PDB file of N, CA and C in Angstrom:
ATOM      1  N   MET A   1    -118.433 -10.308  91.502  1.00  0.00           N
ATOM      2  CA  MET A   1    -117.248  -9.479  91.289  1.00  0.00           C
ATOM      3  C   MET A   1    -116.364  -9.638  92.441  1.00  0.00           C
ATOM      4  N   GLU A   2    -116.849  -9.784  93.641  1.00  0.00           N
ATOM      5  CA  GLU A   2    -115.984 -10.044  94.831  1.00  0.00           C
ATOM      6  C   GLU A   2    -115.237 -11.430  94.551  1.00  0.00           C
ATOM      7  N   PHE A   3    -115.885 -12.357  93.890  1.00  0.00           N
ATOM      8  CA  PHE A   3    -115.336 -13.606  93.690  1.00  0.00           C
ATOM      9  C   PHE A   3    -114.052 -13.471  92.858  1.00  0.00           C
ATOM     10  N   LEU A   4    -114.224 -12.745  91.675  1.00  0.00           N
ATOM     11  CA  LEU A   4    -113.079 -12.480  90.789  1.00  0.00           C
ATOM     12  C   LEU A   4    -111.980 -11.681  91.554  1.00  0.00           C
ATOM     13  N   ASP A   5    -112.361 -10.711  92.303  1.00  0.00           N
ATOM     14  CA  ASP A   5    -111.280  -9.945  93.095  1.00  0.00           C
ATOM     15  C   ASP A   5    -110.509 -10.775  94.039  1.00  0.00           C
ATOM     16  N   ALA A   6    -111.066 -11.836  94.525  1.00  0.00           N
ATOM     17  CA  ALA A   6    -110.469 -12.688  95.436  1.00  0.00           C
ATOM     18  C   ALA A   6    -109.726 -13.890  94.770  1.00  0.00           C
ATOM     19  N   PHE A   7    -110.300 -14.371  93.650  1.00  0.00           N
ATOM     20  CA  PHE A   7    -109.761 -15.577  93.065  1.00  0.00           C
ATOM     21  C   PHE A   7    -108.728 -15.279  91.889  1.00  0.00           C
ATOM     22  N   LEU A   8    -108.902 -14.121  91.276  1.00  0.00           N
ATOM     23  CA  LEU A   8    -107.958 -13.808  90.164  1.00  0.00           C
ATOM     24  C   LEU A   8    -106.521 -13.614  90.715  1.00  0.00           C
ATOM     25  N   PRO A   9    -106.272 -12.887  91.721  1.00  0.00           N
ATOM     26  CA  PRO A   9    -104.902 -12.894  92.312  1.00  0.00           C
ATOM     27  C   PRO A   9    -104.261 -14.176  92.644  1.00  0.00           C
ATOM     28  N   ILE A  10    -105.125 -15.112  93.081  1.00  0.00           N
ATOM     29  CA  ILE A  10    -104.625 -16.482  93.352  1.00  0.00           C
ATOM     30  C   ILE A  10    -104.262 -17.227  92.135  1.00  0.00           C
ATOM     31  N   ILE A  11    -104.978 -17.064  91.143  1.00  0.00           N
ATOM     32  CA  ILE A  11    -104.629 -17.740  89.884  1.00  0.00           C
ATOM     33  C   ILE A  11    -103.315 -17.059  89.289  1.00  0.00           C
ATOM     34  N   ILE A  12    -103.182 -15.794  89.378  1.00  0.00           N
ATOM     35  CA  ILE A  12    -102.007 -15.141  88.852  1.00  0.00           C
ATOM     36  C   ILE A  12    -100.806 -15.512  89.649  1.00  0.00           C
ATOM     37  N   TYR A  13    -100.885 -15.646  90.916  1.00  0.00           N
ATOM     38  CA  TYR A  13     -99.711 -16.085  91.735  1.00  0.00           C
ATOM     39  C   TYR A  13     -99.363 -17.497  91.478  1.00  0.00           C
ATOM     40  N   ILE A  14    -100.325 -18.364  91.271  1.00  0.00           N
ATOM     41  CA  ILE A  14    -100.056 -19.772  90.934  1.00  0.00           C
ATOM     42  C   ILE A  14     -99.320 -19.888  89.568  1.00  0.00           C
ATOM     43  N   LEU A  15     -99.789 -19.056  88.606  1.00  0.00           N
ATOM     44  CA  LEU A  15     -99.188 -19.075  87.280  1.00  0.00           C
ATOM     45  C   LEU A  15     -97.747 -18.513  87.376  1.00  0.00           C
ATOM     46  N   LEU A  16     -97.534 -17.498  88.084  1.00  0.00           N
ATOM     47  CA  LEU A  16     -96.206 -16.981  88.293  1.00  0.00           C
ATOM     48  C   LEU A  16     -95.245 -17.939  88.967  1.00  0.00           C
ATOM     49  N   ILE A  17     -95.781 -18.802  89.907  1.00  0.00           N
ATOM     50  CA  ILE A  17     -94.928 -19.787  90.568  1.00  0.00           C
ATOM     51  C   ILE A  17     -94.579 -20.863  89.552  1.00  0.00           C
ATOM     52  N   VAL A  18     -95.553 -21.255  88.773  1.00  0.00           N
ATOM     53  CA  VAL A  18     -95.207 -22.218  87.749  1.00  0.00           C
ATOM     54  C   VAL A  18     -94.241 -21.722  86.680  1.00  0.00           C
ATOM     55  N   LEU A  19     -94.388 -20.490  86.353  1.00  0.00           N
ATOM     56  CA  LEU A  19     -93.494 -19.889  85.357  1.00  0.00           C
ATOM     57  C   LEU A  19     -92.033 -19.741  85.938  1.00  0.00           C
ATOM     58  N   ILE A  20     -91.954 -19.452  87.220  1.00  0.00           N
ATOM     59  CA  ILE A  20     -90.585 -19.358  87.906  1.00  0.00           C
ATOM     60  C   ILE A  20     -89.990 -20.697  87.913  1.00  0.00           C
ATOM     61  N   ILE A  21     -90.743 -21.751  88.324  1.00  0.00           N
ATOM     62  CA  ILE A  21     -90.298 -23.076  88.307  1.00  0.00           C
ATOM     63  C   ILE A  21     -89.771 -23.564  86.944  1.00  0.00           C
ATOM     64  N   LEU A  22     -90.634 -23.307  85.856  1.00  0.00           N
ATOM     65  CA  LEU A  22     -90.214 -23.714  84.475  1.00  0.00           C
ATOM     66  C   LEU A  22     -88.917 -23.008  84.143  1.00  0.00           C
ATOM     67  N   LEU A  23     -88.742 -21.623  84.447  1.00  0.00           N
ATOM     68  CA  LEU A  23     -87.569 -20.889  84.103  1.00  0.00           C
ATOM     69  C   LEU A  23     -86.345 -21.531  84.868  1.00  0.00           C
ATOM     70  N   ILE A  24     -86.514 -22.039  86.054  1.00  0.00           N
ATOM     71  CA  ILE A  24     -85.375 -22.562  86.843  1.00  0.00           C
ATOM     72  C   ILE A  24     -85.004 -23.881  86.209  1.00  0.00           C
ATOM     73  N   ILE A  25     -85.955 -24.658  85.802  1.00  0.00           N
ATOM     74  CA  ILE A  25     -85.655 -25.975  85.051  1.00  0.00           C
ATOM     75  C   ILE A  25     -84.910 -25.685  83.687  1.00  0.00           C
ATOM     76  N   ILE A  26     -85.441 -24.732  82.951  1.00  0.00           N
ATOM     77  CA  ILE A  26     -84.830 -24.440  81.679  1.00  0.00           C
ATOM     78  C   ILE A  26     -83.333 -23.967  81.932  1.00  0.00           C
ATOM     79  N   ALA A  27     -83.145 -23.107  82.964  1.00  0.00           N
ATOM     80  CA  ALA A  27     -81.860 -22.595  83.248  1.00  0.00           C
ATOM     81  C   ALA A  27     -80.923 -23.732  83.644  1.00  0.00           C
ATOM     82  N   VAL A  28     -81.333 -24.686  84.396  1.00  0.00           N
ATOM     83  CA  VAL A  28     -80.466 -25.776  84.733  1.00  0.00           C
ATOM     84  C   VAL A  28     -80.202 -26.629  83.524  1.00  0.00           C
ATOM     85  N   LYS A  29     -81.043 -26.833  82.629  1.00  0.00           N
ATOM     86  CA  LYS A  29     -80.870 -27.687  81.432  1.00  0.00           C
ATOM     87  C   LYS A  29     -79.876 -26.868  80.505  1.00  0.00           C
ATOM     88  N   VAL A  30     -80.025 -25.587  80.406  1.00  0.00           N
ATOM     89  CA  VAL A  30     -79.113 -24.824  79.612  1.00  0.00           C
ATOM     90  C   VAL A  30     -77.704 -24.914  80.082  1.00  0.00           C
ATOM     91  N   LYS A  31     -77.597 -24.882  81.531  1.00  0.00           N
ATOM     92  CA  LYS A  31     -76.297 -24.949  82.101  1.00  0.00           C
ATOM     93  C   LYS A  31     -75.629 -26.292  81.767  1.00  0.00           C
ATOM     94  N   ASN A  32     -76.407 -27.294  81.868  1.00  0.00           N
ATOM     95  CA  ASN A  32     -75.842 -28.662  81.581  1.00  0.00           C
ATOM     96  C   ASN A  32     -75.405 -28.813  80.146  1.00  0.00           C
ATOM     97  N   ILE A  33     -76.183 -28.369  79.301  1.00  0.00           N
ATOM     98  CA  ILE A  33     -75.836 -28.270  77.782  1.00  0.00           C
ATOM     99  C   ILE A  33     -74.548 -27.449  77.560  1.00  0.00           C
ATOM    100  N   MET A  34     -74.510 -26.308  78.233  1.00  0.00           N
ATOM    101  CA  MET A  34     -73.251 -25.484  77.992  1.00  0.00           C
ATOM    102  C   MET A  34     -71.991 -26.161  78.553  1.00  0.00           C
ATOM    103  N   ASP A  35     -72.171 -26.931  79.672  1.00  0.00           N
ATOM    104  CA  ASP A  35     -71.014 -27.710  80.212  1.00  0.00           C
ATOM    105  C   ASP A  35     -70.589 -28.775  79.228  1.00  0.00           C
ATOM    106  N   LYS A  36     -71.578 -29.427  78.620  1.00  0.00           N
ATOM    107  CA  LYS A  36     -71.254 -30.479  77.632  1.00  0.00           C
ATOM    108  C   LYS A  36     -70.575 -29.891  76.418  1.00  0.00           C
ATOM    109  N   VAL A  37     -71.088 -28.682  75.948  1.00  0.00           N
ATOM    110  CA  VAL A  37     -70.436 -27.987  74.807  1.00  0.00           C
ATOM    111  C   VAL A  37     -69.081 -27.602  75.163  1.00  0.00           C
ATOM    112  N   ASP A  38     -68.801 -27.147  76.321  1.00  0.00           N
ATOM    113  CA  ASP A  38     -67.466 -26.805  76.719  1.00  0.00           C
ATOM    114  C   ASP A  38     -66.583 -27.925  76.783  1.00  0.00           C
ATOM    115  N   LYS A  39     -66.904 -29.068  77.249  1.00  0.00           N
ATOM    116  CA  LYS A  39     -66.184 -30.298  77.157  1.00  0.00           C
ATOM    117  C   LYS A  39     -65.802 -30.670  75.750  1.00  0.00           C
ATOM    118  N   ILE A  40     -66.686 -30.579  74.941  1.00  0.00           N
ATOM    119  CA  ILE A  40     -66.578 -30.972  73.492  1.00  0.00           C
ATOM    120  C   ILE A  40     -65.601 -30.050  72.826  1.00  0.00           C
ATOM    121  N   THR A  41     -65.737 -28.755  73.052  1.00  0.00           N
ATOM    122  CA  THR A  41     -64.709 -27.858  72.462  1.00  0.00           C
ATOM    123  C   THR A  41     -63.397 -27.980  72.997  1.00  0.00           C
ATOM    124  N   ASP A  42     -63.252 -28.279  74.309  1.00  0.00           N
ATOM    125  CA  ASP A  42     -61.879 -28.526  74.835  1.00  0.00           C
ATOM    126  C   ASP A  42     -61.306 -29.824  74.207  1.00  0.00           C
ATOM    127  N   ASN A  43     -62.151 -30.832  74.002  1.00  0.00           N
ATOM    128  CA  ASN A  43     -61.643 -32.088  73.370  1.00  0.00           C
ATOM    129  C   ASN A  43     -61.208 -31.764  71.928  1.00  0.00           C
ATOM    130  N   VAL A  44     -61.996 -30.958  71.220  1.00  0.00           N
ATOM    131  CA  VAL A  44     -61.577 -30.679  69.843  1.00  0.00           C
ATOM    132  C   VAL A  44     -60.317 -29.845  69.813  1.00  0.00           C
ATOM    133  N   ASN A  45     -60.177 -28.891  70.680  1.00  0.00           N
ATOM    134  CA  ASN A  45     -58.966 -28.121  70.781  1.00  0.00           C
ATOM    135  C   ASN A  45     -57.754 -28.940  71.033  1.00  0.00           C
ATOM    136  N   ASN A  46     -57.851 -29.964  72.002  1.00  0.00           N
ATOM    137  CA  ASN A  46     -56.767 -30.867  72.188  1.00  0.00           C
ATOM    138  C   ASN A  46     -56.365 -31.648  71.040  1.00  0.00           C
ATOM    139  N   LYS A  47     -57.387 -32.214  70.356  1.00  0.00           N
ATOM    140  CA  LYS A  47     -57.104 -32.931  69.110  1.00  0.00           C
ATOM    141  C   LYS A  47     -56.389 -32.136  67.953  1.00  0.00           C
ATOM    142  N   LEU A  48     -56.884 -30.916  67.875  1.00  0.00           N
ATOM    143  CA  LEU A  48     -56.287 -29.961  66.847  1.00  0.00           C
ATOM    144  C   LEU A  48     -54.903 -29.680  67.251  1.00  0.00           C
ATOM    145  N   ASP A  49     -54.591 -29.433  68.542  1.00  0.00           N
ATOM    146  CA  ASP A  49     -53.347 -29.168  69.009  1.00  0.00           C
ATOM    147  C   ASP A  49     -52.304 -30.331  68.630  1.00  0.00           C
ATOM    148  N   SER A  50     -52.777 -31.588  68.802  1.00  0.00           N
ATOM    149  CA  SER A  50     -51.975 -32.675  68.550  1.00  0.00           C
ATOM    150  C   SER A  50     -51.754 -32.781  66.924  1.00  0.00           C
ATOM    151  N   LEU A  51     -52.682 -32.388  66.185  1.00  0.00           N
ATOM    152  CA  LEU A  51     -52.551 -32.342  64.749  1.00  0.00           C
ATOM    153  C   LEU A  51     -51.644 -31.255  64.193  1.00  0.00           C
ATOM    154  N   ASP A  52     -51.512 -30.219  64.873  1.00  0.00           N
ATOM    155  CA  ASP A  52     -50.718 -29.072  64.611  1.00  0.00           C
ATOM    156  C   ASP A  52     -49.252 -29.472  64.310  1.00  0.00           C
ATOM    157  N   ASN A  53     -48.686 -30.387  65.185  1.00  0.00           N
ATOM    158  CA  ASN A  53     -47.362 -30.828  65.059  1.00  0.00           C
ATOM    159  C   ASN A  53     -47.159 -31.601  63.829  1.00  0.00           C
ATOM    160  N   LEU A  54     -48.201 -32.415  63.416  1.00  0.00           N
ATOM    161  CA  LEU A  54     -48.221 -33.085  62.135  1.00  0.00           C
ATOM    162  C   LEU A  54     -48.141 -32.090  60.963  1.00  0.00           C
ATOM    163  N   PHE A  55     -49.051 -31.105  61.017  1.00  0.00           N
ATOM    164  CA  PHE A  55     -49.081 -30.156  59.940  1.00  0.00           C
ATOM    165  C   PHE A  55     -47.719 -29.422  59.882  1.00  0.00           C
ATOM    166  N   TYR A  56     -47.066 -29.061  60.967  1.00  0.00           N
ATOM    167  CA  TYR A  56     -45.775 -28.442  60.939  1.00  0.00           C
ATOM    168  C   TYR A  56     -44.711 -29.321  60.255  1.00  0.00           C
ATOM    169  N   MET A  57     -44.897 -30.654  60.577  1.00  0.00           N
ATOM    170  CA  MET A  57     -43.887 -31.549  59.920  1.00  0.00           C
ATOM    171  C   MET A  57     -44.031 -31.667  58.494  1.00  0.00           C
ATOM    172  N   VAL A  58     -45.389 -31.746  57.997  1.00  0.00           N
ATOM    173  CA  VAL A  58     -45.669 -31.840  56.651  1.00  0.00           C
ATOM    174  C   VAL A  58     -45.306 -30.615  55.930  1.00  0.00           C
ATOM    175  N   ASP A  59     -45.384 -29.459  56.570  1.00  0.00           N
ATOM    176  CA  ASP A  59     -45.044 -28.197  55.954  1.00  0.00           C
ATOM    177  C   ASP A  59     -43.495 -28.078  55.757  1.00  0.00           C
ATOM    178  N   GLY A  60     -42.833 -28.643  56.710  1.00  0.00           N
ATOM    179  CA  GLY A  60     -41.320 -28.676  56.685  1.00  0.00           C
ATOM    180  C   GLY A  60     -40.745 -29.476  55.572  1.00  0.00           C
ATOM    181  N   VAL A  61     -41.439 -30.747  55.499  1.00  0.00           N
ATOM    182  CA  VAL A  61     -41.005 -31.687  54.395  1.00  0.00           C
ATOM    183  C   VAL A  61     -41.455 -31.082  53.093  1.00  0.00           C
ATOM    184  N   SER A  62     -42.519 -30.450  52.957  1.00  0.00           N
ATOM    185  CA  SER A  62     -43.007 -29.814  51.680  1.00  0.00           C
ATOM    186  C   SER A  62     -41.979 -28.681  51.278  1.00  0.00           C
ATOM    187  N   SER A  63     -41.517 -27.905  52.213  1.00  0.00           N
ATOM    188  CA  SER A  63     -40.637 -26.815  51.965  1.00  0.00           C
ATOM    189  C   SER A  63     -39.245 -27.411  51.457  1.00  0.00           C
ATOM    190  N   LYS A  64     -38.845 -28.497  52.107  1.00  0.00           N
ATOM    191  CA  LYS A  64     -37.518 -29.078  51.694  1.00  0.00           C
ATOM    192  C   LYS A  64     -37.637 -29.772  50.354  1.00  0.00           C
ATOM    193  N   MET A  65     -38.737 -30.403  49.982  1.00  0.00           N
ATOM    194  CA  MET A  65     -38.995 -31.001  48.715  1.00  0.00           C
ATOM    195  C   MET A  65     -38.975 -29.828  47.669  1.00  0.00           C
ATOM    196  N   THR A  66     -39.615 -28.821  47.928  1.00  0.00           N
ATOM    197  CA  THR A  66     -39.654 -27.607  46.974  1.00  0.00           C
ATOM    198  C   THR A  66     -38.268 -27.111  46.745  1.00  0.00           C
ATOM    199  N   PHE A  67     -37.517 -26.992  47.764  1.00  0.00           N
ATOM    200  CA  PHE A  67     -36.138 -26.474  47.667  1.00  0.00           C
ATOM    201  C   PHE A  67     -35.293 -27.461  46.704  1.00  0.00           C
ATOM    202  N   LEU A  68     -35.413 -28.778  47.093  1.00  0.00           N
ATOM    203  CA  LEU A  68     -34.655 -29.753  46.347  1.00  0.00           C
ATOM    204  C   LEU A  68     -35.096 -29.821  44.888  1.00  0.00           C
ATOM    205  N   SER A  69     -36.413 -29.740  44.682  1.00  0.00           N
ATOM    206  CA  SER A  69     -36.836 -29.772  43.292  1.00  0.00           C
ATOM    207  C   SER A  69     -36.410 -28.516  42.522  1.00  0.00           C
ATOM    208  N   ASP A  70     -36.431 -27.328  43.147  1.00  0.00           N
ATOM    209  CA  ASP A  70     -35.918 -26.121  42.477  1.00  0.00           C
ATOM    210  C   ASP A  70     -34.430 -26.226  42.191  1.00  0.00           C
ATOM    211  N   ARG A  71     -33.588 -26.757  43.032  1.00  0.00           N
ATOM    212  CA  ARG A  71     -32.258 -26.982  42.783  1.00  0.00           C
ATOM    213  C   ARG A  71     -32.010 -27.956  41.674  1.00  0.00           C
ATOM    214  N   PHE A  72     -32.769 -29.030  41.578  1.00  0.00           N
ATOM    215  CA  PHE A  72     -32.668 -30.031  40.570  1.00  0.00           C
ATOM    216  C   PHE A  72     -33.042 -29.437  39.229  1.00  0.00           C
ATOM    217  N   ILE A  73     -34.071 -28.674  39.143  1.00  0.00           N
ATOM    218  CA  ILE A  73     -34.490 -28.040  37.919  1.00  0.00           C
ATOM    219  C   ILE A  73     -33.463 -27.028  37.460  1.00  0.00           C
ATOM    220  N   ASN A  74     -32.945 -26.215  38.418  1.00  0.00           N
ATOM    221  CA  ASN A  74     -31.921 -25.270  38.026  1.00  0.00           C
ATOM    222  C   ASN A  74     -30.657 -25.947  37.505  1.00  0.00           C
ATOM    223  N   PHE A  75     -30.284 -27.108  38.068  1.00  0.00           N
ATOM    224  CA  PHE A  75     -29.219 -27.892  37.473  1.00  0.00           C
ATOM    225  C   PHE A  75     -29.427 -28.393  36.115  1.00  0.00           C
ATOM    226  N   ILE A  76     -30.564 -28.958  35.887  1.00  0.00           N
ATOM    227  CA  ILE A  76     -31.029 -29.501  34.582  1.00  0.00           C
ATOM    228  C   ILE A  76     -31.020 -28.312  33.548  1.00  0.00           C
ATOM    229  N   ILE A  77     -31.552 -27.160  33.941  1.00  0.00           N
ATOM    230  CA  ILE A  77     -31.446 -25.961  32.975  1.00  0.00           C
ATOM    231  C   ILE A  77     -30.087 -25.539  32.725  1.00  0.00           C
ATOM    232  N   SER A  78     -29.214 -25.480  33.700  1.00  0.00           N
ATOM    233  CA  SER A  78     -27.815 -25.056  33.451  1.00  0.00           C
ATOM    234  C   SER A  78     -27.163 -26.036  32.536  1.00  0.00           C
ATOM    235  N   VAL A  79     -27.360 -27.374  32.708  1.00  0.00           N
ATOM    236  CA  VAL A  79     -26.739 -28.357  31.798  1.00  0.00           C
ATOM    237  C   VAL A  79     -27.196 -28.120  30.401  1.00  0.00           C
ATOM    238  N   PHE A  80     -28.500 -27.990  30.228  1.00  0.00           N
ATOM    239  CA  PHE A  80     -29.059 -27.662  28.900  1.00  0.00           C
ATOM    240  C   PHE A  80     -28.547 -26.433  28.249  1.00  0.00           C
ATOM    241  N   ASN A  81     -28.364 -25.388  29.127  1.00  0.00           N
ATOM    242  CA  ASN A  81     -27.809 -24.169  28.632  1.00  0.00           C
ATOM    243  C   ASN A  81     -26.448 -24.400  28.158  1.00  0.00           C
ATOM    244  N   LYS A  82     -25.549 -25.095  28.906  1.00  0.00           N
ATOM    245  CA  LYS A  82     -24.182 -25.302  28.508  1.00  0.00           C
ATOM    246  C   LYS A  82     -24.121 -26.185  27.251  1.00  0.00           C
ATOM    247  N   VAL A  83     -25.023 -27.150  27.101  1.00  0.00           N
ATOM    248  CA  VAL A  83     -24.925 -28.016  25.940  1.00  0.00           C
ATOM    249  C   VAL A  83     -25.492 -27.313  24.671  1.00  0.00           C
ATOM    250  N   PHE A  84     -26.554 -26.557  24.814  1.00  0.00           N
ATOM    251  CA  PHE A  84     -27.241 -25.985  23.676  1.00  0.00           C
ATOM    252  C   PHE A  84     -26.781 -24.447  23.521  1.00  0.00           C
ATOM    253  N   LYS A  85     -25.793 -24.035  24.278  1.00  0.00           N
ATOM    254  CA  LYS A  85     -25.519 -22.665  24.238  1.00  0.00           C
ATOM    255  C   LYS A  85     -24.919 -22.304  22.866  1.00  0.00           C
ATOM    256  N   PRO A  86     -25.329 -21.158  22.281  1.00  0.00           N
ATOM    257  CA  PRO A  86     -24.790 -20.818  20.991  1.00  0.00           C
ATOM    258  C   PRO A  86     -23.330 -20.374  21.110  1.00  0.00           C
ATOM    259  N   LYS A  87     -22.494 -20.705  20.222  1.00  0.00           N
ATOM    260  CA  LYS A  87     -21.108 -20.414  20.206  1.00  0.00           C
ATOM    261  C   LYS A  87     -20.922 -18.908  20.011  1.00  0.00           C
ATOM    262  N   ASP A  88     -19.867 -18.451  20.701  1.00  0.00           N
ATOM    263  CA  ASP A  88     -19.499 -17.015  20.602  1.00  0.00           C
ATOM    264  C   ASP A  88     -19.015 -16.855  19.113  1.00  0.00           C
ATOM    265  N   LYS A  89     -19.099 -15.552  18.650  1.00  0.00           N
ATOM    266  CA  LYS A  89     -18.577 -15.199  17.353  1.00  0.00           C
ATOM    267  C   LYS A  89     -17.104 -15.418  17.260  1.00  0.00           C
ATOM    268  N   ASN A  90     -16.396 -15.070  18.344  1.00  0.00           N
ATOM    269  CA  ASN A  90     -14.872 -15.334  18.318  1.00  0.00           C
ATOM    270  C   ASN A  90     -14.542 -16.660  18.169  1.00  0.00           C
ATOM    271  N   LYS A  91     -15.172 -17.604  18.887  1.00  0.00           N
ATOM    272  CA  LYS A  91     -14.861 -19.002  18.723  1.00  0.00           C
ATOM    273  C   LYS A  91     -15.244 -19.474  17.227  1.00  0.00           C
ATOM    274  N   GLU A  92     -16.259 -18.984  16.683  1.00  0.00           N
ATOM    275  CA  GLU A  92     -16.639 -19.393  15.447  1.00  0.00           C
ATOM    276  C   GLU A  92     -15.615 -18.879  14.313  1.00  0.00           C
ATOM    277  N   GLU A  93     -15.101 -17.709  14.480  1.00  0.00           N
ATOM    278  CA  GLU A  93     -14.089 -17.221  13.580  1.00  0.00           C
ATOM    279  C   GLU A  93     -12.728 -18.070  13.732  1.00  0.00           C
ATOM    280  N   GLU A  94     -12.474 -18.430  14.984  1.00  0.00           N
ATOM    281  CA  GLU A  94     -11.256 -19.215  15.148  1.00  0.00           C
ATOM    282  C   GLU A  94     -11.391 -20.533  14.524  1.00  0.00           C
ATOM    283  N   GLU A  95     -12.600 -21.129  14.708  1.00  0.00           N
ATOM    284  CA  GLU A  95     -12.876 -22.496  14.052  1.00  0.00           C
ATOM    285  C   GLU A  95     -12.798 -22.415  12.633  1.00  0.00           C
ATOM    286  N   ASN A  96     -13.283 -21.321  11.982  1.00  0.00           N
ATOM    287  CA  ASN A  96     -13.266 -21.071  10.450  1.00  0.00           C
ATOM    288  C   ASN A  96     -11.910 -21.002   9.938  1.00  0.00           C
ATOM    289  N   GLU A  97     -10.997 -20.372  10.710  1.00  0.00           N
ATOM    290  CA  GLU A  97      -9.656 -20.155  10.139  1.00  0.00           C
ATOM    291  C   GLU A  97      -8.827 -21.324  10.209  1.00  0.00           C
TER     292      GLU A  97
END
């Protein structure tokens, strides 16, 4: 019993020291991984920022094309309306006389 009283605290202290060393190693590895992740996210953000200008340009071109196509369609519709517009009753009466 005296042997366990003397030997058991030594084993516990050794295991605690090993545990603390392992936790320190794990903390250092996690810090290194977090630094790499931070660099990757910064790189991705920079690339996305450079693509934002391209998307703004594409959006502007798309808006202008939509405006132009709407104007063209409205012009075509107005031409068809003028060509195929039913004659007024007054004009029909004048033509009949």
